[in-house]
PDB file of all heavy atoms in Angstrom:
ATOM      1  N   ALA A   1       8.119  -5.141  -0.813  1.00  0.00           N
ATOM      2  CA  ALA A   1       7.285  -4.240  -0.007  1.00  0.00           C
ATOM      3  C   ALA A   1       6.557  -5.013   1.074  1.00  0.00           C
ATOM      4  O   ALA A   1       6.329  -4.495   2.180  1.00  0.00           O
ATOM      5  CB  ALA A   1       6.287  -3.517  -0.913  1.00  0.00           C
ATOM      6  N   GLN A   2       6.202  -6.278   0.790  1.00  0.00           N
ATOM      7  CA  GLN A   2       5.471  -7.091   1.759  1.00  0.00           C
ATOM      8  C   GLN A   2       6.340  -7.507   2.943  1.00  0.00           C
ATOM      9  O   GLN A   2       5.824  -7.893   3.994  1.00  0.00           O
ATOM     10  CB  GLN A   2       4.905  -8.347   1.068  1.00  0.00           C
ATOM     11  CG  GLN A   2       3.783  -8.061   0.088  1.00  0.00           C
ATOM     12  CD  GLN A   2       4.246  -7.300  -1.151  1.00  0.00           C
ATOM     13  OE1 GLN A   2       5.344  -7.554  -1.669  1.00  0.00           O
ATOM     14  NE2 GLN A   2       3.431  -6.363  -1.613  1.00  0.00           N
ATOM     15  N   TYR A   3       7.656  -7.404   2.765  1.00  0.00           N
ATOM     16  CA  TYR A   3       8.555  -7.639   3.901  1.00  0.00           C
ATOM     17  C   TYR A   3       8.980  -6.327   4.551  1.00  0.00           C
ATOM     18  O   TYR A   3       8.954  -6.179   5.770  1.00  0.00           O
ATOM     19  CB  TYR A   3       9.811  -8.397   3.473  1.00  0.00           C
ATOM     20  CG  TYR A   3      10.738  -8.662   4.642  1.00  0.00           C
ATOM     21  CD1 TYR A   3      10.562  -9.782   5.437  1.00  0.00           C
ATOM     22  CD2 TYR A   3      11.761  -7.774   4.975  1.00  0.00           C
ATOM     23  CE1 TYR A   3      11.380 -10.012   6.544  1.00  0.00           C
ATOM     24  CE2 TYR A   3      12.584  -8.004   6.068  1.00  0.00           C
ATOM     25  CZ  TYR A   3      12.379  -9.119   6.850  1.00  0.00           C
ATOM     26  OH  TYR A   3      13.180  -9.338   7.945  1.00  0.00           O
ATOM     27  N   LEU A   4       9.362  -5.368   3.718  1.00  0.00           N
ATOM     28  CA  LEU A   4       9.962  -4.134   4.228  1.00  0.00           C
ATOM     29  C   LEU A   4       9.051  -3.383   5.197  1.00  0.00           C
ATOM     30  O   LEU A   4       9.446  -3.094   6.335  1.00  0.00           O
ATOM     31  CB  LEU A   4      10.329  -3.211   3.062  1.00  0.00           C
ATOM     32  CG  LEU A   4      10.789  -1.803   3.453  1.00  0.00           C
ATOM     33  CD1 LEU A   4      12.101  -1.853   4.205  1.00  0.00           C
ATOM     34  CD2 LEU A   4      10.897  -0.906   2.235  1.00  0.00           C
ATOM     35  N   TYR A   5       7.854  -3.039   4.770  1.00  0.00           N
ATOM     36  CA  TYR A   5       7.031  -2.140   5.577  1.00  0.00           C
ATOM     37  C   TYR A   5       6.529  -2.790   6.869  1.00  0.00           C
ATOM     38  O   TYR A   5       6.548  -2.143   7.928  1.00  0.00           O
ATOM     39  CB  TYR A   5       5.902  -1.563   4.723  1.00  0.00           C
ATOM     40  CG  TYR A   5       6.442  -0.707   3.593  1.00  0.00           C
ATOM     41  CD1 TYR A   5       6.327  -1.110   2.263  1.00  0.00           C
ATOM     42  CD2 TYR A   5       7.116   0.479   3.865  1.00  0.00           C
ATOM     43  CE1 TYR A   5       6.858  -0.334   1.232  1.00  0.00           C
ATOM     44  CE2 TYR A   5       7.650   1.258   2.843  1.00  0.00           C
ATOM     45  CZ  TYR A   5       7.517   0.844   1.528  1.00  0.00           C
ATOM     46  OH  TYR A   5       8.046   1.610   0.525  1.00  0.00           O
ATOM     47  N   PRO A   6       6.117  -4.072   6.857  1.00  0.00           N
ATOM     48  CA  PRO A   6       5.815  -4.703   8.146  1.00  0.00           C
ATOM     49  C   PRO A   6       7.035  -4.781   9.071  1.00  0.00           C
ATOM     50  O   PRO A   6       6.899  -4.651  10.290  1.00  0.00           O
ATOM     51  CB  PRO A   6       5.331  -6.105   7.740  1.00  0.00           C
ATOM     52  CG  PRO A   6       4.794  -5.935   6.357  1.00  0.00           C
ATOM     53  CD  PRO A   6       5.711  -4.927   5.729  1.00  0.00           C
ATOM     54  N   ARG A   7       8.221  -4.971   8.484  1.00  0.00           N
ATOM     55  CA  ARG A   7       9.427  -5.025   9.340  1.00  0.00           C
ATOM     56  C   ARG A   7       9.701  -3.654   9.949  1.00  0.00           C
ATOM     57  O   ARG A   7      10.110  -3.561  11.120  1.00  0.00           O
ATOM     58  CB  ARG A   7      10.635  -5.486   8.505  1.00  0.00           C
ATOM     59  CG  ARG A   7      11.936  -5.578   9.316  1.00  0.00           C
ATOM     60  CD  ARG A   7      11.822  -6.596  10.427  1.00  0.00           C
ATOM     61  NE  ARG A   7      13.000  -6.632  11.297  1.00  0.00           N
ATOM     62  CZ  ARG A   7      13.162  -5.867  12.381  1.00  0.00           C
ATOM     63  NH1 ARG A   7      12.233  -4.971  12.707  1.00  0.00           N
ATOM     64  NH2 ARG A   7      14.248  -5.985  13.127  1.00  0.00           N
ATOM     65  N   LEU A   8       9.478  -2.590   9.197  1.00  0.00           N
ATOM     66  CA  LEU A   8       9.655  -1.256   9.769  1.00  0.00           C
ATOM     67  C   LEU A   8       8.615  -0.991  10.843  1.00  0.00           C
ATOM     68  O   LEU A   8       8.918  -0.363  11.869  1.00  0.00           O
ATOM     69  CB  LEU A   8       9.580  -0.191   8.668  1.00  0.00           C
ATOM     70  CG  LEU A   8      10.658  -0.249   7.580  1.00  0.00           C
ATOM     71  CD1 LEU A   8      10.534   0.946   6.643  1.00  0.00           C
ATOM     72  CD2 LEU A   8      12.048  -0.309   8.182  1.00  0.00           C
ATOM     73  N   GLU A   9       7.392  -1.439  10.618  1.00  0.00           N
ATOM     74  CA  GLU A   9       6.358  -1.280  11.642  1.00  0.00           C
ATOM     75  C   GLU A   9       6.807  -1.906  12.958  1.00  0.00           C
ATOM     76  O   GLU A   9       6.581  -1.349  14.043  1.00  0.00           O
ATOM     77  CB  GLU A   9       5.056  -1.925  11.166  1.00  0.00           C
ATOM     78  CG  GLU A   9       3.897  -1.807  12.155  1.00  0.00           C
ATOM     79  CD  GLU A   9       2.670  -2.569  11.684  1.00  0.00           C
ATOM     80  OE1 GLU A   9       2.792  -3.779  11.391  1.00  0.00           O
ATOM     81  OE2 GLU A   9       1.594  -1.956  11.617  1.00  0.00           O
ATOM     82  N   GLN A  10       7.471  -3.049  12.893  1.00  0.00           N
ATOM     83  CA  GLN A  10       7.945  -3.726  14.092  1.00  0.00           C
ATOM     84  C   GLN A  10       9.018  -2.935  14.829  1.00  0.00           C
ATOM     85  O   GLN A  10       9.141  -3.039  16.057  1.00  0.00           O
ATOM     86  CB  GLN A  10       8.499  -5.109  13.737  1.00  0.00           C
ATOM     87  CG  GLN A  10       7.450  -6.115  13.305  1.00  0.00           C
ATOM     88  CD  GLN A  10       8.061  -7.467  12.965  1.00  0.00           C
ATOM     89  OE1 GLN A  10       9.294  -7.616  12.827  1.00  0.00           O
ATOM     90  NE2 GLN A  10       7.222  -8.481  12.830  1.00  0.00           N
ATOM     91  N   MET A  11       9.808  -2.152  14.092  1.00  0.00           N
ATOM     92  CA  MET A  11      10.908  -1.427  14.739  1.00  0.00           C
ATOM     93  C   MET A  11      10.459  -0.140  15.411  1.00  0.00           C
ATOM     94  O   MET A  11      11.170   0.402  16.250  1.00  0.00           O
ATOM     95  CB  MET A  11      12.020  -1.128  13.728  1.00  0.00           C
ATOM     96  CG  MET A  11      11.765   0.056  12.814  1.00  0.00           C
ATOM     97  SD  MET A  11      13.172   0.438  11.716  1.00  0.00           S
ATOM     98  CE  MET A  11      14.307   1.216  12.859  1.00  0.00           C
ATOM     99  N   PHE A  12       9.283   0.382  15.051  1.00  0.00           N
ATOM    100  CA  PHE A  12       8.827   1.641  15.625  1.00  0.00           C
ATOM    101  C   PHE A  12       8.545   1.481  17.116  1.00  0.00           C
ATOM    102  O   PHE A  12       7.971   0.485  17.548  1.00  0.00           O
ATOM    103  CB  PHE A  12       7.579   2.149  14.913  1.00  0.00           C
ATOM    104  CG  PHE A  12       7.790   2.486  13.462  1.00  0.00           C
ATOM    105  CD1 PHE A  12       6.735   2.412  12.557  1.00  0.00           C
ATOM    106  CD2 PHE A  12       9.035   2.874  12.992  1.00  0.00           C
ATOM    107  CE1 PHE A  12       6.921   2.726  11.219  1.00  0.00           C
ATOM    108  CE2 PHE A  12       9.234   3.188  11.656  1.00  0.00           C
ATOM    109  CZ  PHE A  12       8.171   3.102  10.763  1.00  0.00           C
ATOM    110  N   LYS A  13       8.938   2.506  17.886  1.00  0.00           N
ATOM    111  CA  LYS A  13       8.771   2.477  19.336  1.00  0.00           C
ATOM    112  C   LYS A  13       8.014   3.727  19.796  1.00  0.00           C
ATOM    113  O   LYS A  13       7.920   4.720  19.070  1.00  0.00           O
ATOM    114  CB  LYS A  13      10.140   2.438  20.025  1.00  0.00           C
ATOM    115  CG  LYS A  13      10.965   1.201  19.719  1.00  0.00           C
ATOM    116  CD  LYS A  13      12.317   1.268  20.393  1.00  0.00           C
ATOM    117  CE  LYS A  13      13.170   0.041  20.071  1.00  0.00           C
ATOM    118  NZ  LYS A  13      14.523   0.125  20.694  1.00  0.00           N
ATOM    119  N   ALA A  14       7.498   3.653  21.011  1.00  0.00           N
ATOM    120  CA  ALA A  14       6.838   4.811  21.608  1.00  0.00           C
ATOM    121  C   ALA A  14       7.775   6.013  21.572  1.00  0.00           C
ATOM    122  O   ALA A  14       8.988   5.871  21.752  1.00  0.00           O
ATOM    123  CB  ALA A  14       6.426   4.496  23.050  1.00  0.00           C
ATOM    124  N   GLN A  15       7.223   7.174  21.295  1.00  0.00           N
ATOM    125  CA  GLN A  15       7.931   8.461  21.268  1.00  0.00           C
ATOM    126  C   GLN A  15       8.719   8.700  19.982  1.00  0.00           C
ATOM    127  O   GLN A  15       9.230   9.811  19.766  1.00  0.00           O
ATOM    128  CB  GLN A  15       8.903   8.620  22.460  1.00  0.00           C
ATOM    129  CG  GLN A  15       8.333   8.293  23.814  1.00  0.00           C
ATOM    130  CD  GLN A  15       7.285   9.272  24.277  1.00  0.00           C
ATOM    131  OE1 GLN A  15       7.311  10.425  23.889  1.00  0.00           O
ATOM    132  NE2 GLN A  15       6.369   8.806  25.104  1.00  0.00           N
ATOM    133  N   ASP A  16       8.866   7.708  19.104  1.00  0.00           N
ATOM    134  CA  ASP A  16       9.627   7.911  17.872  1.00  0.00           C
ATOM    135  C   ASP A  16       9.046   9.050  17.037  1.00  0.00           C
ATOM    136  O   ASP A  16       7.835   9.261  17.005  1.00  0.00           O
ATOM    137  CB  ASP A  16       9.620   6.649  17.003  1.00  0.00           C
ATOM    138  CG  ASP A  16      10.641   5.609  17.434  1.00  0.00           C
ATOM    139  OD1 ASP A  16      11.477   5.920  18.290  1.00  0.00           O
ATOM    140  OD2 ASP A  16      10.585   4.477  16.901  1.00  0.00           O
ATOM    141  N   ILE A  17       9.925   9.763  16.354  1.00  0.00           N
ATOM    142  CA  ILE A  17       9.520  10.716  15.318  1.00  0.00           C
ATOM    143  C   ILE A  17       9.888  10.100  13.977  1.00  0.00           C
ATOM    144  O   ILE A  17      11.070   9.906  13.672  1.00  0.00           O
ATOM    145  CB  ILE A  17      10.210  12.079  15.494  1.00  0.00           C
ATOM    146  CG1 ILE A  17       9.781  12.729  16.819  1.00  0.00           C
ATOM    147  CG2 ILE A  17       9.898  13.002  14.313  1.00  0.00           C
ATOM    148  CD1 ILE A  17      10.543  13.999  17.153  1.00  0.00           C
ATOM    149  N   ILE A  18       8.882   9.755  13.194  1.00  0.00           N
ATOM    150  CA  ILE A  18       9.096   9.086  11.908  1.00  0.00           C
ATOM    151  C   ILE A  18       8.802  10.091  10.795  1.00  0.00           C
ATOM    152  O   ILE A  18       7.700  10.653  10.737  1.00  0.00           O
ATOM    153  CB  ILE A  18       8.174   7.858  11.781  1.00  0.00           C
ATOM    154  CG1 ILE A  18       8.438   6.877  12.933  1.00  0.00           C
ATOM    155  CG2 ILE A  18       8.370   7.174  10.430  1.00  0.00           C
ATOM    156  CD1 ILE A  18       7.214   6.097  13.355  1.00  0.00           C
ATOM    157  N   VAL A  19       9.778  10.326   9.946  1.00  0.00           N
ATOM    158  CA  VAL A  19       9.619  11.256   8.824  1.00  0.00           C
ATOM    159  C   VAL A  19       9.723  10.439   7.549  1.00  0.00           C
ATOM    160  O   VAL A  19      10.767   9.834   7.266  1.00  0.00           O
ATOM    161  CB  VAL A  19      10.691  12.362   8.854  1.00  0.00           C
ATOM    162  CG1 VAL A  19      10.492  13.316   7.678  1.00  0.00           C
ATOM    163  CG2 VAL A  19      10.641  13.121  10.174  1.00  0.00           C
ATOM    164  N   ALA A  20       8.637  10.391   6.787  1.00  0.00           N
ATOM    165  CA  ALA A  20       8.581   9.562   5.580  1.00  0.00           C
ATOM    166  C   ALA A  20       8.438  10.448   4.355  1.00  0.00           C
ATOM    167  O   ALA A  20       7.567  11.321   4.308  1.00  0.00           O
ATOM    168  CB  ALA A  20       7.420   8.575   5.672  1.00  0.00           C
ATOM    169  N   GLU A  21       9.287  10.209   3.365  1.00  0.00           N
ATOM    170  CA  GLU A  21       9.292  11.021   2.158  1.00  0.00           C
ATOM    171  C   GLU A  21       8.006  10.850   1.352  1.00  0.00           C
ATOM    172  O   GLU A  21       7.369   9.803   1.366  1.00  0.00           O
ATOM    173  CB  GLU A  21      10.502  10.619   1.296  1.00  0.00           C
ATOM    174  CG  GLU A  21      10.653  11.373  -0.001  1.00  0.00           C
ATOM    175  CD  GLU A  21      10.808  12.864   0.188  1.00  0.00           C
ATOM    176  OE1 GLU A  21      11.937  13.331   0.419  1.00  0.00           O
ATOM    177  OE2 GLU A  21       9.790  13.568   0.086  1.00  0.00           O
ATOM    178  N   THR A  22       7.638  11.920   0.665  1.00  0.00           N
ATOM    179  CA  THR A  22       6.519  11.888  -0.264  1.00  0.00           C
ATOM    180  C   THR A  22       6.714  10.771  -1.277  1.00  0.00           C
ATOM    181  O   THR A  22       7.807  10.589  -1.804  1.00  0.00           O
ATOM    182  CB  THR A  22       6.435  13.240  -0.997  1.00  0.00           C
ATOM    183  OG1 THR A  22       6.237  14.265  -0.043  1.00  0.00           O
ATOM    184  CG2 THR A  22       5.300  13.250  -2.000  1.00  0.00           C
ATOM    185  N   GLY A  23       5.644  10.027  -1.542  1.00  0.00           N
ATOM    186  CA  GLY A  23       5.727   8.977  -2.547  1.00  0.00           C
ATOM    187  C   GLY A  23       5.629   7.604  -1.936  1.00  0.00           C
ATOM    188  O   GLY A  23       4.909   7.379  -0.960  1.00  0.00           O
ATOM    189  N   THR A  24       6.374   6.639  -2.501  1.00  0.00           N
ATOM    190  CA  THR A  24       6.194   5.251  -2.103  1.00  0.00           C
ATOM    191  C   THR A  24       6.603   4.998  -0.657  1.00  0.00           C
ATOM    192  O   THR A  24       6.053   4.104  -0.013  1.00  0.00           O
ATOM    193  CB  THR A  24       6.985   4.320  -3.039  1.00  0.00           C
ATOM    194  OG1 THR A  24       8.340   4.773  -3.110  1.00  0.00           O
ATOM    195  CG2 THR A  24       6.397   4.326  -4.433  1.00  0.00           C
ATOM    196  N   ALA A  25       7.567   5.730  -0.127  1.00  0.00           N
ATOM    197  CA  ALA A  25       8.000   5.506   1.256  1.00  0.00           C
ATOM    198  C   ALA A  25       6.865   5.771   2.234  1.00  0.00           C
ATOM    199  O   ALA A  25       6.554   4.950   3.096  1.00  0.00           O
ATOM    200  CB  ALA A  25       9.207   6.387   1.574  1.00  0.00           C
ATOM    201  N   SER A  26       6.242   6.935   2.119  1.00  0.00           N
ATOM    202  CA  SER A  26       5.154   7.261   3.041  1.00  0.00           C
ATOM    203  C   SER A  26       3.930   6.399   2.769  1.00  0.00           C
ATOM    204  O   SER A  26       3.212   6.002   3.705  1.00  0.00           O
ATOM    205  CB  SER A  26       4.797   8.746   2.953  1.00  0.00           C
ATOM    206  OG  SER A  26       4.415   9.115   1.644  1.00  0.00           O
ATOM    207  N   MET A  27       3.659   6.088   1.504  1.00  0.00           N
ATOM    208  CA  MET A  27       2.499   5.253   1.181  1.00  0.00           C
ATOM    209  C   MET A  27       2.651   3.845   1.742  1.00  0.00           C
ATOM    210  O   MET A  27       1.681   3.226   2.169  1.00  0.00           O
ATOM    211  CB  MET A  27       2.292   5.201  -0.329  1.00  0.00           C
ATOM    212  CG  MET A  27       1.834   6.527  -0.913  1.00  0.00           C
ATOM    213  SD  MET A  27       1.767   6.469  -2.720  1.00  0.00           S
ATOM    214  CE  MET A  27       1.559   8.214  -3.090  1.00  0.00           C
ATOM    215  N   GLY A  28       3.872   3.333   1.756  1.00  0.00           N
ATOM    216  CA  GLY A  28       4.101   2.007   2.305  1.00  0.00           C
ATOM    217  C   GLY A  28       3.866   1.932   3.791  1.00  0.00           C
ATOM    218  O   GLY A  28       3.513   0.876   4.330  1.00  0.00           O
ATOM    219  N   LEU A  29       4.051   3.064   4.483  1.00  0.00           N
ATOM    220  CA  LEU A  29       3.898   3.094   5.933  1.00  0.00           C
ATOM    221  C   LEU A  29       2.551   3.650   6.382  1.00  0.00           C
ATOM    222  O   LEU A  29       2.274   3.707   7.576  1.00  0.00           O
ATOM    223  CB  LEU A  29       5.025   3.927   6.563  1.00  0.00           C
ATOM    224  CG  LEU A  29       6.424   3.325   6.411  1.00  0.00           C
ATOM    225  CD1 LEU A  29       7.489   4.330   6.853  1.00  0.00           C
ATOM    226  CD2 LEU A  29       6.550   2.043   7.231  1.00  0.00           C
ATOM    227  N   GLY A  30       1.723   4.072   5.429  1.00  0.00           N
ATOM    228  CA  GLY A  30       0.465   4.713   5.792  1.00  0.00           C
ATOM    229  C   GLY A  30      -0.430   3.857   6.657  1.00  0.00           C
ATOM    230  O   GLY A  30      -1.126   4.357   7.547  1.00  0.00           O
ATOM    231  N   PHE A  31      -0.411   2.536   6.441  1.00  0.00           N
ATOM    232  CA  PHE A  31      -1.304   1.644   7.174  1.00  0.00           C
ATOM    233  C   PHE A  31      -0.589   0.899   8.304  1.00  0.00           C
ATOM    234  O   PHE A  31      -1.162   0.001   8.915  1.00  0.00           O
ATOM    235  CB  PHE A  31      -1.958   0.658   6.213  1.00  0.00           C
ATOM    236  CG  PHE A  31      -2.834   1.347   5.197  1.00  0.00           C
ATOM    237  CD1 PHE A  31      -2.364   1.590   3.917  1.00  0.00           C
ATOM    238  CD2 PHE A  31      -4.094   1.799   5.531  1.00  0.00           C
ATOM    239  CE1 PHE A  31      -3.153   2.245   2.986  1.00  0.00           C
ATOM    240  CE2 PHE A  31      -4.895   2.464   4.605  1.00  0.00           C
ATOM    241  CZ  PHE A  31      -4.421   2.687   3.331  1.00  0.00           C
ATOM    242  N   ALA A  32       0.652   1.277   8.591  1.00  0.00           N
ATOM    243  CA  ALA A  32       1.350   0.728   9.759  1.00  0.00           C
ATOM    244  C   ALA A  32       0.714   1.292  11.029  1.00  0.00           C
ATOM    245  O   ALA A  32       0.345   2.465  11.080  1.00  0.00           O
ATOM    246  CB  ALA A  32       2.832   1.084   9.704  1.00  0.00           C
ATOM    247  N   LEU A  33       0.604   0.470  12.043  1.00  0.00           N
ATOM    248  CA  LEU A  33       0.072   0.939  13.331  1.00  0.00           C
ATOM    249  C   LEU A  33       1.215   1.509  14.163  1.00  0.00           C
ATOM    250  O   LEU A  33       2.242   0.854  14.356  1.00  0.00           O
ATOM    251  CB  LEU A  33      -0.600  -0.207  14.089  1.00  0.00           C
ATOM    252  CG  LEU A  33      -2.061  -0.483  13.771  1.00  0.00           C
ATOM    253  CD1 LEU A  33      -2.579  -1.645  14.614  1.00  0.00           C
ATOM    254  CD2 LEU A  33      -2.925   0.749  14.005  1.00  0.00           C
ATOM    255  N   LEU A  34       1.028   2.709  14.656  1.00  0.00           N
ATOM    256  CA  LEU A  34       2.069   3.374  15.433  1.00  0.00           C
ATOM    257  C   LEU A  34       1.913   3.062  16.917  1.00  0.00           C
ATOM    258  O   LEU A  34       0.795   3.019  17.433  1.00  0.00           O
ATOM    259  CB  LEU A  34       1.990   4.889  15.229  1.00  0.00           C
ATOM    260  CG  LEU A  34       2.154   5.406  13.800  1.00  0.00           C
ATOM    261  CD1 LEU A  34       2.002   6.923  13.789  1.00  0.00           C
ATOM    262  CD2 LEU A  34       3.493   4.995  13.216  1.00  0.00           C
ATOM    263  N   PRO A  35       3.023   2.898  17.620  1.00  0.00           N
ATOM    264  CA  PRO A  35       2.937   2.735  19.076  1.00  0.00           C
ATOM    265  C   PRO A  35       2.572   4.052  19.753  1.00  0.00           C
ATOM    266  O   PRO A  35       2.553   5.112  19.120  1.00  0.00           O
ATOM    267  CB  PRO A  35       4.336   2.276  19.460  1.00  0.00           C
ATOM    268  CG  PRO A  35       5.221   2.744  18.358  1.00  0.00           C
ATOM    269  CD  PRO A  35       4.392   2.778  17.112  1.00  0.00           C
ATOM    270  N   LYS A  36       2.296   4.001  21.021  1.00  0.00           N
ATOM    271  CA  LYS A  36       1.835   5.159  21.774  1.00  0.00           C
ATOM    272  C   LYS A  36       2.814   6.316  21.658  1.00  0.00           C
ATOM    273  O   LYS A  36       4.022   6.154  21.821  1.00  0.00           O
ATOM    274  CB  LYS A  36       1.656   4.777  23.256  1.00  0.00           C
ATOM    275  CG  LYS A  36       1.113   5.902  24.131  1.00  0.00           C
ATOM    276  CD  LYS A  36       0.899   5.403  25.540  1.00  0.00           C
ATOM    277  CE  LYS A  36       0.476   6.534  26.473  1.00  0.00           C
ATOM    278  NZ  LYS A  36      -0.754   7.207  26.046  1.00  0.00           N
ATOM    279  N   ASP A  37       2.269   7.483  21.346  1.00  0.00           N
ATOM    280  CA  ASP A  37       3.004   8.750  21.304  1.00  0.00           C
ATOM    281  C   ASP A  37       4.067   8.824  20.209  1.00  0.00           C
ATOM    282  O   ASP A  37       4.887   9.739  20.192  1.00  0.00           O
ATOM    283  CB  ASP A  37       3.655   9.073  22.662  1.00  0.00           C
ATOM    284  CG  ASP A  37       2.628   9.305  23.755  1.00  0.00           C
ATOM    285  OD1 ASP A  37       1.542   9.822  23.434  1.00  0.00           O
ATOM    286  OD2 ASP A  37       2.901   8.948  24.915  1.00  0.00           O
TER     287      ASP A  37
END
């Protein structure tokens, strides 16, 4: 988890629509910083 979620945070781009499933997937991304829009 300490690798996966920060790596996903890096891949997110402006305008992306990110849909995260209920449970560990969304919880892992809850504290990721999103780019603009």
